[in-house]
């Protein structure tokens, strides 16, 4: 089973990194999610993309779509 995580409107992994929350997410949340789910996808409003853990993927807003429109489009 897969898990999709949608960050709050306008929030990005870059924001988490700047505030030091990325380590907290990796340690407390994503490590547990990665054990329980086959794949974990994190939808971010930022530009950074990549693999955070072996089965945890960060998906960016690569087209720079406005955050309100992107929030509607993300699930699709």
N, C-alpha and C. Protein backbone atom coordinates (compact mmCIF):
# COMPACT_ATOMS: atom_id res chain seq x y z
N UNK A 1 0.84 -1.17 0.00
CA UNK A 1 0.00 0.00 0.00
C UNK A 1 0.90 1.24 0.00
N UNK A 2 0.45 2.27 -0.69
CA UNK A 2 1.20 3.51 -0.80
C UNK A 2 0.57 4.58 0.09
N UNK A 3 1.38 5.57 0.47
CA UNK A 3 0.92 6.70 1.27
C UNK A 3 1.33 7.98 0.57
N UNK A 4 0.38 8.92 0.44
CA UNK A 4 0.68 10.25 -0.11
C UNK A 4 0.50 11.28 1.01
N UNK A 5 1.49 12.14 1.15
CA UNK A 5 1.45 13.20 2.16
C UNK A 5 1.42 14.53 1.43
N UNK A 6 0.40 15.33 1.72
CA UNK A 6 0.28 16.65 1.12
C UNK A 6 0.65 17.68 2.18
N UNK A 7 1.69 18.45 1.91
CA UNK A 7 2.09 19.49 2.86
C UNK A 7 1.06 20.61 2.84
N UNK A 8 1.03 21.42 3.88
CA UNK A 8 0.08 22.53 3.97
C UNK A 8 0.30 23.49 2.80
N UNK A 9 -0.74 24.23 2.46
CA UNK A 9 -0.67 25.13 1.30
C UNK A 9 0.51 26.08 1.45
N UNK A 10 1.38 26.07 0.44
CA UNK A 10 2.55 26.94 0.39
C UNK A 10 3.78 26.37 1.07
N UNK A 11 3.66 25.26 1.79
CA UNK A 11 4.79 24.68 2.51
C UNK A 11 5.65 23.82 1.59
N UNK A 12 6.95 23.84 1.83
CA UNK A 12 7.86 23.05 1.01
C UNK A 12 8.90 22.37 1.89
N UNK A 13 9.56 21.38 1.31
CA UNK A 13 10.62 20.69 2.05
C UNK A 13 11.76 21.66 2.34
N UNK A 14 11.96 22.64 1.47
CA UNK A 14 12.98 23.66 1.71
C UNK A 14 12.67 24.45 2.98
N UNK A 15 11.39 24.73 3.24
CA UNK A 15 10.99 25.40 4.48
C UNK A 15 11.32 24.53 5.69
N UNK A 16 11.03 23.24 5.57
CA UNK A 16 11.34 22.31 6.66
C UNK A 16 12.84 22.30 6.94
N UNK A 17 13.66 22.29 5.89
CA UNK A 17 15.11 22.26 6.05
C UNK A 17 15.61 23.55 6.72
N UNK A 18 15.08 24.69 6.28
CA UNK A 18 15.50 25.97 6.84
C UNK A 18 15.17 26.08 8.34
N UNK A 19 14.08 25.47 8.75
CA UNK A 19 13.66 25.53 10.15
C UNK A 19 14.15 24.36 10.99
N UNK A 20 14.84 23.41 10.36
CA UNK A 20 15.34 22.25 11.08
C UNK A 20 14.31 21.16 11.30
N UNK A 21 13.14 21.30 10.68
CA UNK A 21 12.08 20.31 10.86
C UNK A 21 12.29 19.08 9.98
N UNK A 22 13.17 19.15 9.00
CA UNK A 22 13.39 18.01 8.11
C UNK A 22 13.92 16.81 8.88
N UNK A 23 14.84 17.04 9.80
CA UNK A 23 15.38 15.93 10.61
C UNK A 23 14.30 15.31 11.49
N UNK A 24 13.46 16.16 12.05
CA UNK A 24 12.36 15.68 12.88
C UNK A 24 11.41 14.81 12.05
N UNK A 25 11.05 15.26 10.87
CA UNK A 25 10.17 14.49 9.99
C UNK A 25 10.80 13.16 9.61
N UNK A 26 12.08 13.20 9.26
CA UNK A 26 12.75 11.96 8.86
C UNK A 26 12.83 10.98 10.02
N UNK A 27 13.18 11.47 11.18
CA UNK A 27 13.36 10.59 12.34
C UNK A 27 12.03 10.06 12.89
N UNK A 28 11.08 10.96 13.10
CA UNK A 28 9.86 10.58 13.81
C UNK A 28 8.73 10.07 12.91
N UNK A 29 8.57 10.68 11.76
CA UNK A 29 7.42 10.33 10.92
C UNK A 29 7.79 9.42 9.75
N UNK A 30 8.70 9.88 8.92
CA UNK A 30 8.97 9.16 7.68
C UNK A 30 9.61 7.80 7.90
N UNK A 31 10.42 7.66 8.92
CA UNK A 31 11.01 6.34 9.18
C UNK A 31 9.93 5.32 9.53
N UNK A 32 8.93 5.73 10.30
CA UNK A 32 7.81 4.83 10.64
C UNK A 32 6.95 4.56 9.42
N UNK A 33 6.65 5.60 8.65
CA UNK A 33 5.84 5.42 7.45
C UNK A 33 6.53 4.50 6.45
N UNK A 34 7.84 4.65 6.31
CA UNK A 34 8.56 3.84 5.31
C UNK A 34 8.56 2.35 5.69
N UNK A 35 8.46 2.05 6.97
CA UNK A 35 8.38 0.65 7.40
C UNK A 35 7.00 0.06 7.13
N UNK A 36 5.97 0.87 7.23
CA UNK A 36 4.59 0.38 7.14
C UNK A 36 4.01 0.41 5.72
N UNK A 37 4.57 1.25 4.85
CA UNK A 37 4.02 1.41 3.51
C UNK A 37 5.06 1.03 2.47
N UNK A 38 4.58 0.57 1.32
CA UNK A 38 5.47 0.18 0.23
C UNK A 38 6.20 1.40 -0.33
N UNK A 39 5.46 2.46 -0.61
CA UNK A 39 6.02 3.70 -1.14
C UNK A 39 5.35 4.86 -0.41
N UNK A 40 6.13 5.91 -0.14
CA UNK A 40 5.61 7.12 0.49
C UNK A 40 5.96 8.29 -0.42
N UNK A 41 4.94 9.08 -0.79
CA UNK A 41 5.12 10.23 -1.66
C UNK A 41 4.77 11.49 -0.88
N UNK A 42 5.68 12.48 -0.91
CA UNK A 42 5.44 13.76 -0.24
C UNK A 42 5.30 14.82 -1.32
N UNK A 43 4.13 15.46 -1.38
CA UNK A 43 3.88 16.52 -2.35
C UNK A 43 4.24 17.85 -1.72
N UNK A 44 5.20 18.54 -2.33
CA UNK A 44 5.73 19.79 -1.80
C UNK A 44 5.43 20.93 -2.77
N UNK A 45 5.34 22.14 -2.24
CA UNK A 45 5.13 23.32 -3.08
C UNK A 45 6.46 23.89 -3.58
N UNK A 46 7.57 23.35 -3.13
CA UNK A 46 8.89 23.84 -3.52
C UNK A 46 9.40 23.19 -4.80
N UNK A 47 10.66 23.46 -5.10
CA UNK A 47 11.29 22.95 -6.33
C UNK A 47 12.15 21.71 -6.09
N UNK A 48 12.49 21.43 -4.84
CA UNK A 48 13.37 20.30 -4.56
C UNK A 48 12.64 18.98 -4.77
N UNK A 49 13.32 18.06 -5.43
CA UNK A 49 12.77 16.73 -5.68
C UNK A 49 13.81 15.69 -5.30
N UNK A 50 13.37 14.47 -5.15
CA UNK A 50 14.33 13.41 -4.90
C UNK A 50 13.82 12.35 -3.96
N UNK A 51 14.74 11.51 -3.59
CA UNK A 51 14.45 10.38 -2.70
C UNK A 51 15.01 10.72 -1.33
N UNK A 52 14.15 10.73 -0.33
CA UNK A 52 14.59 11.05 1.03
C UNK A 52 15.03 9.80 1.79
N UNK A 53 14.43 8.68 1.46
CA UNK A 53 14.75 7.37 2.02
C UNK A 53 14.55 6.38 0.87
N UNK A 54 14.93 5.14 1.05
CA UNK A 54 14.80 4.19 -0.07
C UNK A 54 13.41 4.13 -0.71
N UNK A 55 12.34 4.29 0.06
CA UNK A 55 11.00 4.23 -0.52
C UNK A 55 10.17 5.49 -0.24
N UNK A 56 10.85 6.61 0.06
CA UNK A 56 10.18 7.88 0.32
C UNK A 56 10.63 8.88 -0.74
N UNK A 57 9.65 9.41 -1.49
CA UNK A 57 9.94 10.28 -2.62
C UNK A 57 9.35 11.66 -2.39
N UNK A 58 10.13 12.69 -2.69
CA UNK A 58 9.69 14.08 -2.59
C UNK A 58 9.32 14.55 -4.00
N UNK A 59 8.06 14.97 -4.17
CA UNK A 59 7.56 15.41 -5.47
C UNK A 59 7.34 16.91 -5.44
N UNK A 60 7.99 17.67 -6.35
CA UNK A 60 7.93 19.13 -6.31
C UNK A 60 6.80 19.71 -7.17
N UNK A 61 6.64 21.00 -7.02
CA UNK A 61 5.78 21.78 -7.92
C UNK A 61 6.70 22.27 -9.05
N UNK A 62 7.06 21.37 -9.94
CA UNK A 62 8.09 21.69 -10.93
C UNK A 62 7.66 22.71 -11.98
N UNK A 63 6.36 22.98 -12.09
CA UNK A 63 5.92 23.97 -13.09
C UNK A 63 5.69 25.34 -12.46
N UNK A 64 5.84 25.46 -11.17
CA UNK A 64 5.66 26.75 -10.50
C UNK A 64 4.22 27.23 -10.51
N UNK A 65 3.28 26.30 -10.46
CA UNK A 65 1.86 26.64 -10.48
C UNK A 65 1.50 27.33 -9.16
N UNK A 66 0.59 28.32 -9.24
CA UNK A 66 0.15 29.04 -8.05
C UNK A 66 -0.33 28.04 -7.00
N UNK A 67 -0.06 28.33 -5.74
CA UNK A 67 -0.30 27.35 -4.67
C UNK A 67 -1.75 26.92 -4.54
N UNK A 68 -2.71 27.81 -4.79
CA UNK A 68 -4.12 27.43 -4.66
C UNK A 68 -4.55 26.49 -5.79
N UNK A 69 -4.09 26.75 -6.98
CA UNK A 69 -4.39 25.87 -8.11
C UNK A 69 -3.66 24.53 -7.95
N UNK A 70 -2.42 24.60 -7.49
CA UNK A 70 -1.64 23.37 -7.28
C UNK A 70 -2.30 22.48 -6.22
N UNK A 71 -2.87 23.08 -5.18
CA UNK A 71 -3.54 22.32 -4.12
C UNK A 71 -4.71 21.51 -4.69
N UNK A 72 -5.40 22.07 -5.67
CA UNK A 72 -6.51 21.37 -6.30
C UNK A 72 -6.01 20.26 -7.22
N UNK A 73 -4.89 20.52 -7.89
CA UNK A 73 -4.37 19.58 -8.88
C UNK A 73 -3.55 18.44 -8.28
N UNK A 74 -2.97 18.60 -7.11
CA UNK A 74 -2.08 17.61 -6.52
C UNK A 74 -2.64 16.20 -6.47
N UNK A 75 -3.85 16.00 -6.02
CA UNK A 75 -4.34 14.61 -5.93
C UNK A 75 -4.43 13.89 -7.27
N UNK A 76 -4.49 14.64 -8.35
CA UNK A 76 -4.63 14.02 -9.67
C UNK A 76 -3.28 13.78 -10.28
